[in-house]
Protein backbone atom coordinates (compact mmCIF):
# COMPACT_ATOMS: atom_id res chain seq x y z
CA ASP A 1 23.39 -93.59 20.68
CA LEU A 2 21.24 -96.19 22.42
CA ASP A 3 22.85 -95.77 25.84
CA ALA A 4 22.32 -92.01 25.82
CA PHE A 5 18.70 -92.47 24.74
CA LEU A 6 18.05 -95.06 27.46
CA GLU A 7 19.55 -92.68 30.01
CA GLN A 8 16.94 -90.10 28.95
CA VAL A 9 14.17 -92.70 29.23
CA HIS A 10 15.43 -93.57 32.71
CA SER A 11 15.43 -89.96 33.90
CA ARG A 12 11.97 -89.46 32.35
CA GLU A 13 10.76 -92.49 34.30
CA HIS A 14 12.04 -90.92 37.53
CA GLN A 15 9.97 -87.77 36.89
CA MET A 16 6.74 -89.69 36.46
CA ALA A 17 5.90 -93.39 36.42
CA THR A 18 4.66 -94.74 33.09
CA GLY A 19 2.80 -97.83 34.28
CA LEU A 20 -0.71 -98.34 32.89
CA PRO A 21 -3.48 -100.60 34.23
CA GLY A 22 -3.43 -104.21 33.10
CA GLY A 23 0.27 -104.87 33.60
CA VAL A 24 1.66 -102.42 31.06
CA GLY A 25 4.74 -100.19 31.09
CA LEU A 26 4.92 -97.37 28.54
CA PRO A 27 8.35 -95.77 29.00
CA HIS A 28 9.01 -93.01 26.48
CA ALA A 29 11.25 -90.09 25.61
CA ARG A 30 11.72 -87.47 22.95
CA SER A 31 15.40 -87.43 22.11
CA GLU A 32 17.98 -85.89 19.82
CA TYR A 33 19.38 -89.45 19.51
CA VAL A 34 16.23 -90.62 17.72
CA ASN A 35 15.65 -89.87 14.03
CA ARG A 36 12.23 -91.47 13.58
CA THR A 37 9.39 -92.46 15.86
CA SER A 38 9.78 -96.08 16.92
CA ILE A 39 8.17 -98.42 19.42
CA ALA A 40 9.91 -101.49 20.85
CA VAL A 41 7.67 -104.13 22.43
CA GLY A 42 8.72 -106.57 25.13
CA VAL A 43 6.75 -109.30 26.86
CA ALA A 44 8.08 -110.61 30.17
CA LYS A 45 8.68 -114.34 30.51
CA TYR A 46 6.12 -116.21 32.58
CA GLY A 47 6.56 -115.43 36.26
CA HIS A 48 8.58 -112.27 35.62
CA SER A 49 7.55 -108.61 35.64
CA LEU A 50 8.94 -105.07 35.80
CA ASP A 51 7.71 -102.27 38.03
CA PHE A 52 6.66 -99.15 36.13
CA GLY A 53 4.75 -97.68 39.05
CA ALA A 54 1.21 -98.68 38.04
CA MET A 55 -1.40 -98.76 40.80
CA ASP A 56 -2.39 -102.36 40.01
CA GLY A 57 1.12 -103.79 40.09
CA PRO A 58 4.11 -104.47 37.87
CA ALA A 59 4.16 -104.82 34.08
CA THR A 60 4.46 -107.94 31.97
CA LEU A 61 4.03 -105.98 28.73
CA VAL A 62 6.40 -103.08 27.98
CA LEU A 63 6.27 -100.66 25.07
CA LEU A 64 9.29 -98.38 24.79
CA MET A 65 8.49 -95.36 22.64
CA ALA A 66 11.21 -93.25 21.05
CA THR A 67 10.51 -89.99 19.21
CA PRO A 68 12.78 -87.34 17.71
CA ALA A 69 13.35 -84.33 19.98
CA GLN A 70 11.59 -81.92 17.62
CA SER A 71 8.48 -84.10 17.11
CA PHE A 72 6.50 -82.74 20.03
CA SER A 73 2.98 -83.04 18.61
CA GLU A 74 3.67 -86.43 17.02
CA HIS A 75 5.06 -87.69 20.33
CA LEU A 76 1.87 -86.72 22.17
CA GLU A 77 -0.36 -88.06 19.41
CA VAL A 78 1.36 -91.44 19.23
CA LEU A 79 1.54 -91.68 23.03
CA ALA A 80 -2.16 -90.90 23.47
CA THR A 81 -3.22 -93.26 20.69
CA ILE A 82 -1.12 -96.20 21.86
CA ALA A 83 -2.20 -95.62 25.48
CA ARG A 84 -5.86 -95.66 24.41
CA SER A 85 -5.31 -99.00 22.67
CA LEU A 86 -3.47 -100.39 25.71
CA PHE A 87 -6.49 -99.69 27.93
CA LYS A 88 -8.33 -102.38 25.89
CA GLU A 89 -7.75 -105.84 27.31
CA ASN A 90 -8.03 -107.59 23.94
CA PHE A 91 -5.26 -105.38 22.50
CA ARG A 92 -2.97 -106.12 25.47
CA GLU A 93 -3.67 -109.85 25.21
CA SER A 94 -3.04 -109.86 21.45
CA LEU A 95 0.37 -108.28 22.05
CA ARG A 96 1.16 -110.76 24.82
CA ARG A 97 0.23 -113.73 22.63
CA ALA A 98 2.06 -112.52 19.51
CA HIS A 99 5.37 -114.36 19.28
CA ASP A 100 6.33 -112.89 15.96
CA ALA A 101 7.77 -109.44 15.27
CA GLU A 102 5.59 -108.98 12.16
CA VAL A 103 2.40 -109.70 14.09
CA ILE A 104 3.42 -107.24 16.82
CA ALA A 105 4.28 -104.59 14.21
CA GLU A 106 0.91 -105.14 12.53
CA LEU A 107 -0.95 -104.75 15.85
CA ILE A 108 0.94 -101.56 16.74
CA ASN A 109 0.66 -100.05 13.26
CA SER A 110 -3.05 -100.81 12.99
CA SER A 111 -3.62 -98.98 16.28
CA LEU A 112 -1.79 -95.94 14.86
CA VAL A 113 -3.80 -95.65 11.64
CA PHE A 114 -4.15 -91.86 12.02
CA HIS A 115 -0.61 -91.50 10.64
CA ASP A 116 -0.22 -90.07 7.16
CA HIS A 117 3.56 -89.73 7.43
């Protein structure tokens, strides 16, 4: 139920902003509507941005993270790992330049190499 999940993301965003330095938004939620951890990546068109409450301004790169409700430790682990990668400018720029879903998936997956499952 995508709408119900996005409603949870929206209310989560109201509790605490998820903007990171460097023009990044990292909205996320654990949800009973999610059956496996997933990350959707969006890059704003030139001249456009979205406000995720970061100190240095709005985001042009957005990663929406969805995790199953029961996956508490995995949620925190993935969130921390992806956030660490997003603090690196070359990682952010690689995502912004990637115009191909496979390249984006490869970048995200390679930053999450700690996963055995």
